[in-house]
PDB file of all heavy atoms in Angstrom:
ATOM      1  N   PHE A   1     123.099  12.222  76.321  1.00  0.00           N
ATOM      2  CA  PHE A   1     121.728  11.978  76.384  1.00  0.00           C
ATOM      3  C   PHE A   1     121.223  11.903  77.729  1.00  0.00           C
ATOM      4  O   PHE A   1     120.226  12.480  78.106  1.00  0.00           O
ATOM      5  CB  PHE A   1     121.440  10.703  75.553  1.00  0.00           C
ATOM      6  CG  PHE A   1     120.041  10.089  75.668  1.00  0.00           C
ATOM      7  CD1 PHE A   1     118.979  10.706  75.030  1.00  0.00           C
ATOM      8  CD2 PHE A   1     119.780   9.005  76.597  1.00  0.00           C
ATOM      9  CE1 PHE A   1     117.644  10.243  75.163  1.00  0.00           C
ATOM     10  CE2 PHE A   1     118.523   8.578  76.601  1.00  0.00           C
ATOM     11  CZ  PHE A   1     117.416   9.163  75.993  1.00  0.00           C
ATOM     12  N   VAL A   2     121.888  11.074  78.572  1.00  0.00           N
ATOM     13  CA  VAL A   2     121.529  10.969  79.958  1.00  0.00           C
ATOM     14  C   VAL A   2     121.619  12.278  80.822  1.00  0.00           C
ATOM     15  O   VAL A   2     120.669  12.617  81.438  1.00  0.00           O
ATOM     16  CB  VAL A   2     122.331   9.792  80.600  1.00  0.00           C
ATOM     17  CG1 VAL A   2     122.126   9.721  82.221  1.00  0.00           C
ATOM     18  CG2 VAL A   2     121.884   8.511  80.086  1.00  0.00           C
ATOM     19  N   SER A   3     122.762  12.847  80.685  1.00  0.00           N
ATOM     20  CA  SER A   3     122.914  14.115  81.416  1.00  0.00           C
ATOM     21  C   SER A   3     122.096  15.200  81.016  1.00  0.00           C
ATOM     22  O   SER A   3     121.450  15.901  81.844  1.00  0.00           O
ATOM     23  CB  SER A   3     124.368  14.607  81.326  1.00  0.00           C
ATOM     24  OG  SER A   3     124.715  14.780  79.841  1.00  0.00           O
ATOM     25  N   SER A   4     121.787  15.422  79.746  1.00  0.00           N
ATOM     26  CA  SER A   4     120.810  16.618  79.383  1.00  0.00           C
ATOM     27  C   SER A   4     119.462  16.275  79.904  1.00  0.00           C
ATOM     28  O   SER A   4     118.672  17.230  80.369  1.00  0.00           O
ATOM     29  CB  SER A   4     120.813  16.592  77.758  1.00  0.00           C
ATOM     30  OG  SER A   4     120.153  15.303  77.213  1.00  0.00           O
ATOM     31  N   ASN A   5     118.949  15.058  79.872  1.00  0.00           N
ATOM     32  CA  ASN A   5     117.526  14.849  80.467  1.00  0.00           C
ATOM     33  C   ASN A   5     117.544  14.883  81.941  1.00  0.00           C
ATOM     34  O   ASN A   5     116.591  15.312  82.503  1.00  0.00           O
ATOM     35  CB  ASN A   5     117.135  13.346  79.972  1.00  0.00           C
ATOM     36  CG  ASN A   5     116.616  13.348  78.510  1.00  0.00           C
ATOM     37  OD1 ASN A   5     115.531  13.566  78.326  1.00  0.00           O
ATOM     38  ND2 ASN A   5     117.480  12.850  77.747  1.00  0.00           N
ATOM     39  N   LEU A   6     118.649  14.503  82.614  1.00  0.00           N
ATOM     40  CA  LEU A   6     118.592  14.651  84.095  1.00  0.00           C
ATOM     41  C   LEU A   6     118.731  16.158  84.574  1.00  0.00           C
ATOM     42  O   LEU A   6     118.130  16.428  85.594  1.00  0.00           O
ATOM     43  CB  LEU A   6     119.656  13.808  84.666  1.00  0.00           C
ATOM     44  CG  LEU A   6     119.462  12.297  84.602  1.00  0.00           C
ATOM     45  CD1 LEU A   6     120.716  11.464  85.093  1.00  0.00           C
ATOM     46  CD2 LEU A   6     118.249  11.742  85.273  1.00  0.00           C
ATOM     47  N   PHE A   7     119.445  16.943  83.828  1.00  0.00           N
ATOM     48  CA  PHE A   7     119.335  18.379  83.970  1.00  0.00           C
ATOM     49  C   PHE A   7     118.081  18.901  84.165  1.00  0.00           C
ATOM     50  O   PHE A   7     117.708  19.855  84.895  1.00  0.00           O
ATOM     51  CB  PHE A   7     120.223  19.160  83.061  1.00  0.00           C
ATOM     52  CG  PHE A   7     121.717  19.224  83.364  1.00  0.00           C
ATOM     53  CD1 PHE A   7     122.719  18.891  82.407  1.00  0.00           C
ATOM     54  CD2 PHE A   7     122.125  19.671  84.575  1.00  0.00           C
ATOM     55  CE1 PHE A   7     123.952  18.919  82.782  1.00  0.00           C
ATOM     56  CE2 PHE A   7     123.493  19.784  84.939  1.00  0.00           C
ATOM     57  CZ  PHE A   7     124.461  19.363  83.957  1.00  0.00           C
ATOM     58  N   ASN A   8     117.142  18.358  83.347  1.00  0.00           N
ATOM     59  CA  ASN A   8     115.729  18.831  83.400  1.00  0.00           C
ATOM     60  C   ASN A   8     114.879  18.395  84.404  1.00  0.00           C
ATOM     61  O   ASN A   8     113.711  18.710  84.546  1.00  0.00           O
ATOM     62  CB  ASN A   8     115.052  18.538  82.029  1.00  0.00           C
ATOM     63  CG  ASN A   8     115.562  19.591  80.986  1.00  0.00           C
ATOM     64  OD1 ASN A   8     115.933  20.556  81.148  1.00  0.00           O
ATOM     65  ND2 ASN A   8     115.294  19.065  79.588  1.00  0.00           N
ATOM     66  N   VAL A   9     115.473  17.630  85.430  1.00  0.00           N
ATOM     67  CA  VAL A   9     114.596  17.153  86.533  1.00  0.00           C
ATOM     68  C   VAL A   9     114.475  18.459  87.520  1.00  0.00           C
ATOM     69  O   VAL A   9     113.414  18.544  88.081  1.00  0.00           O
ATOM     70  CB  VAL A   9     115.382  16.016  87.208  1.00  0.00           C
ATOM     71  CG1 VAL A   9     114.802  15.744  88.641  1.00  0.00           C
ATOM     72  CG2 VAL A   9     115.401  14.810  86.356  1.00  0.00           C
ATOM     73  N   SER A  10     115.591  19.183  87.577  1.00  0.00           N
ATOM     74  CA  SER A  10     115.514  20.319  88.423  1.00  0.00           C
ATOM     75  C   SER A  10     116.516  21.399  88.052  1.00  0.00           C
ATOM     76  O   SER A  10     117.541  21.047  87.675  1.00  0.00           O
ATOM     77  CB  SER A  10     115.782  19.908  89.939  1.00  0.00           C
ATOM     78  OG  SER A  10     116.097  21.033  90.779  1.00  0.00           O
ATOM     79  N   PRO A  11     116.096  22.615  88.052  1.00  0.00           N
ATOM     80  CA  PRO A  11     116.997  23.704  87.694  1.00  0.00           C
ATOM     81  C   PRO A  11     118.074  23.854  88.775  1.00  0.00           C
ATOM     82  O   PRO A  11     119.124  24.655  88.487  1.00  0.00           O
ATOM     83  CB  PRO A  11     116.195  25.030  87.546  1.00  0.00           C
ATOM     84  CG  PRO A  11     115.021  24.751  88.674  1.00  0.00           C
ATOM     85  CD  PRO A  11     114.827  23.332  88.454  1.00  0.00           C
ATOM     86  N   MET A  12     118.076  23.345  89.819  1.00  0.00           N
ATOM     87  CA  MET A  12     118.993  23.435  90.955  1.00  0.00           C
ATOM     88  C   MET A  12     120.277  22.348  90.796  1.00  0.00           C
ATOM     89  O   MET A  12     121.274  22.546  91.445  1.00  0.00           O
ATOM     90  CB  MET A  12     118.348  23.134  92.342  1.00  0.00           C
ATOM     91  CG  MET A  12     117.362  24.198  92.773  1.00  0.00           C
ATOM     92  SD  MET A  12     118.202  25.855  92.855  1.00  0.00           S
ATOM     93  CE  MET A  12     119.110  25.652  94.338  1.00  0.00           C
ATOM     94  N   ILE A  13     120.116  21.548  89.783  1.00  0.00           N
ATOM     95  CA  ILE A  13     121.160  20.651  89.505  1.00  0.00           C
ATOM     96  C   ILE A  13     122.230  21.373  88.631  1.00  0.00           C
ATOM     97  O   ILE A  13     121.933  21.682  87.434  1.00  0.00           O
ATOM     98  CB  ILE A  13     120.761  19.328  88.673  1.00  0.00           C
ATOM     99  CG1 ILE A  13     119.678  18.609  89.601  1.00  0.00           C
ATOM    100  CG2 ILE A  13     121.909  18.499  88.421  1.00  0.00           C
ATOM    101  CD1 ILE A  13     119.008  17.396  88.849  1.00  0.00           C
ATOM    102  N   GLU A  14     123.418  21.773  89.200  1.00  0.00           N
ATOM    103  CA  GLU A  14     124.290  22.475  88.521  1.00  0.00           C
ATOM    104  C   GLU A  14     125.249  21.658  87.718  1.00  0.00           C
ATOM    105  O   GLU A  14     125.848  22.061  86.719  1.00  0.00           O
ATOM    106  CB  GLU A  14     125.084  23.382  89.620  1.00  0.00           C
ATOM    107  CG  GLU A  14     124.232  24.435  90.148  1.00  0.00           C
ATOM    108  CD  GLU A  14     123.828  25.624  89.123  1.00  0.00           C
ATOM    109  OE1 GLU A  14     124.486  25.610  87.996  1.00  0.00           O
ATOM    110  OE2 GLU A  14     122.921  26.345  89.273  1.00  0.00           O
ATOM    111  N   THR A  15     125.519  20.378  88.359  1.00  0.00           N
ATOM    112  CA  THR A  15     126.460  19.566  87.746  1.00  0.00           C
ATOM    113  C   THR A  15     125.989  18.094  87.630  1.00  0.00           C
ATOM    114  O   THR A  15     125.294  17.577  88.580  1.00  0.00           O
ATOM    115  CB  THR A  15     127.781  19.605  88.543  1.00  0.00           C
ATOM    116  OG1 THR A  15     128.255  20.867  88.858  1.00  0.00           O
ATOM    117  CG2 THR A  15     128.917  18.584  87.907  1.00  0.00           C
ATOM    118  N   VAL A  16     126.159  17.404  86.651  1.00  0.00           N
ATOM    119  CA  VAL A  16     126.072  15.925  86.383  1.00  0.00           C
ATOM    120  C   VAL A  16     127.348  15.309  86.184  1.00  0.00           C
ATOM    121  O   VAL A  16     127.927  15.591  85.131  1.00  0.00           O
ATOM    122  CB  VAL A  16     124.876  15.626  85.439  1.00  0.00           C
ATOM    123  CG1 VAL A  16     124.809  14.104  85.269  1.00  0.00           C
ATOM    124  CG2 VAL A  16     123.577  16.234  85.755  1.00  0.00           C
ATOM    125  N   VAL A  17     127.671  14.333  87.122  1.00  0.00           N
ATOM    126  CA  VAL A  17     128.929  13.657  86.763  1.00  0.00           C
ATOM    127  C   VAL A  17     128.487  12.209  86.322  1.00  0.00           C
ATOM    128  O   VAL A  17     127.903  11.480  87.027  1.00  0.00           O
ATOM    129  CB  VAL A  17     129.722  13.525  88.116  1.00  0.00           C
ATOM    130  CG1 VAL A  17     131.128  12.696  87.928  1.00  0.00           C
ATOM    131  CG2 VAL A  17     130.178  14.762  88.581  1.00  0.00           C
ATOM    132  N   VAL A  18     128.842  12.025  85.137  1.00  0.00           N
ATOM    133  CA  VAL A  18     128.443  10.555  84.450  1.00  0.00           C
ATOM    134  C   VAL A  18     129.850   9.798  84.433  1.00  0.00           C
ATOM    135  O   VAL A  18     130.753  10.213  83.711  1.00  0.00           O
ATOM    136  CB  VAL A  18     127.937  10.908  83.016  1.00  0.00           C
ATOM    137  CG1 VAL A  18     127.630   9.469  82.441  1.00  0.00           C
ATOM    138  CG2 VAL A  18     126.619  11.607  83.072  1.00  0.00           C
ATOM    139  N   SER A  19     129.839   8.638  85.082  1.00  0.00           N
ATOM    140  CA  SER A  19     130.885   7.648  84.988  1.00  0.00           C
ATOM    141  C   SER A  19     130.479   6.432  84.370  1.00  0.00           C
ATOM    142  O   SER A  19     129.489   5.703  84.912  1.00  0.00           O
ATOM    143  CB  SER A  19     131.409   7.486  86.480  1.00  0.00           C
ATOM    144  OG  SER A  19     131.780   8.645  87.102  1.00  0.00           O
ATOM    145  N   GLY A  20     130.961   6.139  83.136  1.00  0.00           N
ATOM    146  CA  GLY A  20     130.552   4.999  82.336  1.00  0.00           C
ATOM    147  C   GLY A  20     131.499   3.865  82.606  1.00  0.00           C
ATOM    148  O   GLY A  20     132.634   4.030  82.537  1.00  0.00           O
ATOM    149  N   TYR A  21     130.886   2.698  82.683  1.00  0.00           N
ATOM    150  CA  TYR A  21     131.599   1.488  82.904  1.00  0.00           C
ATOM    151  C   TYR A  21     131.177   0.392  82.028  1.00  0.00           C
ATOM    152  O   TYR A  21     129.985   0.294  81.549  1.00  0.00           O
ATOM    153  CB  TYR A  21     131.716   1.053  84.391  1.00  0.00           C
ATOM    154  CG  TYR A  21     130.438   0.506  85.007  1.00  0.00           C
ATOM    155  CD1 TYR A  21     129.985  -0.757  84.915  1.00  0.00           C
ATOM    156  CD2 TYR A  21     129.579   1.550  85.575  1.00  0.00           C
ATOM    157  CE1 TYR A  21     128.883  -1.086  85.471  1.00  0.00           C
ATOM    158  CE2 TYR A  21     128.385   1.080  86.036  1.00  0.00           C
ATOM    159  CZ  TYR A  21     127.953  -0.249  86.003  1.00  0.00           C
ATOM    160  OH  TYR A  21     126.703  -0.552  86.532  1.00  0.00           O
ATOM    161  N   THR A  22     132.078  -0.561  81.727  1.00  0.00           N
ATOM    162  CA  THR A  22     131.755  -1.781  80.798  1.00  0.00           C
ATOM    163  C   THR A  22     132.353  -2.926  81.439  1.00  0.00           C
ATOM    164  O   THR A  22     133.318  -2.929  82.366  1.00  0.00           O
ATOM    165  CB  THR A  22     132.254  -1.500  79.307  1.00  0.00           C
ATOM    166  OG1 THR A  22     131.833  -2.555  78.526  1.00  0.00           O
ATOM    167  CG2 THR A  22     133.729  -1.400  79.380  1.00  0.00           C
ATOM    168  N   GLN A  23     131.817  -4.181  81.037  1.00  0.00           N
ATOM    169  CA  GLN A  23     132.280  -5.364  81.586  1.00  0.00           C
ATOM    170  C   GLN A  23     133.450  -5.998  80.761  1.00  0.00           C
ATOM    171  O   GLN A  23     133.272  -6.172  79.465  1.00  0.00           O
ATOM    172  CB  GLN A  23     131.114  -6.371  81.722  1.00  0.00           C
ATOM    173  CG  GLN A  23     130.163  -6.131  82.781  1.00  0.00           C
ATOM    174  CD  GLN A  23     129.195  -4.958  82.519  1.00  0.00           C
ATOM    175  OE1 GLN A  23     128.721  -4.766  81.445  1.00  0.00           O
ATOM    176  NE2 GLN A  23     129.037  -4.167  83.552  1.00  0.00           N
ATOM    177  N   ARG A  24     134.599  -6.207  81.331  1.00  0.00           N
ATOM    178  CA  ARG A  24     135.777  -6.674  80.707  1.00  0.00           C
ATOM    179  C   ARG A  24     136.348  -7.720  81.521  1.00  0.00           C
ATOM    180  O   ARG A  24     136.279  -7.810  82.831  1.00  0.00           O
ATOM    181  CB  ARG A  24     136.686  -5.666  80.244  1.00  0.00           C
ATOM    182  CG  ARG A  24     136.109  -4.654  79.133  1.00  0.00           C
ATOM    183  CD  ARG A  24     137.023  -3.814  78.459  1.00  0.00           C
ATOM    184  NE  ARG A  24     137.590  -2.842  79.346  1.00  0.00           N
ATOM    185  CZ  ARG A  24     138.162  -1.684  78.817  1.00  0.00           C
ATOM    186  NH1 ARG A  24     138.061  -1.422  77.603  1.00  0.00           N
ATOM    187  NH2 ARG A  24     138.753  -0.753  79.705  1.00  0.00           N
ATOM    188  N   ARG A  25     137.204  -8.606  80.877  1.00  0.00           N
ATOM    189  CA  ARG A  25     137.859  -9.811  81.599  1.00  0.00           C
ATOM    190  C   ARG A  25     139.314  -9.106  82.136  1.00  0.00           C
ATOM    191  O   ARG A  25     140.071  -8.536  81.363  1.00  0.00           O
ATOM    192  CB  ARG A  25     137.972 -10.933  80.960  1.00  0.00           C
ATOM    193  CG  ARG A  25     136.735 -11.649  80.639  1.00  0.00           C
ATOM    194  CD  ARG A  25     136.778 -13.076  80.227  1.00  0.00           C
ATOM    195  NE  ARG A  25     135.429 -13.589  79.980  1.00  0.00           N
ATOM    196  CZ  ARG A  25     134.587 -14.062  80.935  1.00  0.00           C
ATOM    197  NH1 ARG A  25     135.046 -14.070  82.158  1.00  0.00           N
ATOM    198  NH2 ARG A  25     133.498 -14.577  80.678  1.00  0.00           N
ATOM    199  N   ASN A  26     139.609  -9.364  83.415  1.00  0.00           N
ATOM    200  CA  ASN A  26     140.973  -8.984  83.902  1.00  0.00           C
ATOM    201  C   ASN A  26     142.043 -10.031  83.365  1.00  0.00           C
ATOM    202  O   ASN A  26     141.712 -10.998  82.704  1.00  0.00           O
ATOM    203  CB  ASN A  26     141.007  -8.746  85.291  1.00  0.00           C
ATOM    204  CG  ASN A  26     140.468  -9.953  86.113  1.00  0.00           C
ATOM    205  OD1 ASN A  26     140.670 -11.023  85.585  1.00  0.00           O
ATOM    206  ND2 ASN A  26     140.179  -9.712  87.379  1.00  0.00           N
ATOM    207  N   LYS A  27     143.246  -9.820  83.932  1.00  0.00           N
ATOM    208  CA  LYS A  27     144.345 -10.843  83.673  1.00  0.00           C
ATOM    209  C   LYS A  27     144.065 -12.190  84.075  1.00  0.00           C
ATOM    210  O   LYS A  27     144.508 -13.159  83.581  1.00  0.00           O
ATOM    211  CB  LYS A  27     145.583 -10.193  84.169  1.00  0.00           C
ATOM    212  CG  LYS A  27     146.100  -8.979  83.560  1.00  0.00           C
ATOM    213  CD  LYS A  27     147.400  -8.454  84.096  1.00  0.00           C
ATOM    214  CE  LYS A  27     147.817  -7.099  83.556  1.00  0.00           C
ATOM    215  NZ  LYS A  27     149.198  -6.630  84.232  1.00  0.00           N
ATOM    216  N   SER A  28     143.163 -12.302  85.147  1.00  0.00           N
ATOM    217  CA  SER A  28     142.902 -13.670  85.655  1.00  0.00           C
ATOM    218  C   SER A  28     141.789 -14.277  84.868  1.00  0.00           C
ATOM    219  O   SER A  28     141.260 -15.494  85.153  1.00  0.00           O
ATOM    220  CB  SER A  28     142.503 -13.548  87.252  1.00  0.00           C
ATOM    221  OG  SER A  28     143.690 -12.966  87.888  1.00  0.00           O
ATOM    222  N   GLY A  29     141.129 -13.562  84.017  1.00  0.00           N
ATOM    223  CA  GLY A  29     139.983 -14.058  83.273  1.00  0.00           C
ATOM    224  C   GLY A  29     138.617 -13.786  83.922  1.00  0.00           C
ATOM    225  O   GLY A  29     137.651 -14.289  83.406  1.00  0.00           O
ATOM    226  N   ASP A  30     138.560 -13.020  85.080  1.00  0.00           N
ATOM    227  CA  ASP A  30     137.327 -12.831  85.687  1.00  0.00           C
ATOM    228  C   ASP A  30     136.680 -11.585  85.016  1.00  0.00           C
ATOM    229  O   ASP A  30     137.456 -10.554  84.542  1.00  0.00           O
ATOM    230  CB  ASP A  30     137.683 -12.461  87.197  1.00  0.00           C
ATOM    231  CG  ASP A  30     138.159 -13.538  87.874  1.00  0.00           C
ATOM    232  OD1 ASP A  30     137.756 -14.749  87.560  1.00  0.00           O
ATOM    233  OD2 ASP A  30     139.034 -13.338  88.763  1.00  0.00           O
TER     234      ASP A  30
END
């Protein structure tokens, strides 16, 4: 959804790299 809409910002955008992250607790509980 995000990448398809951002491609339409400009025809010169050849590549969109989407890196998705989420919040989780590590071994220390942080």
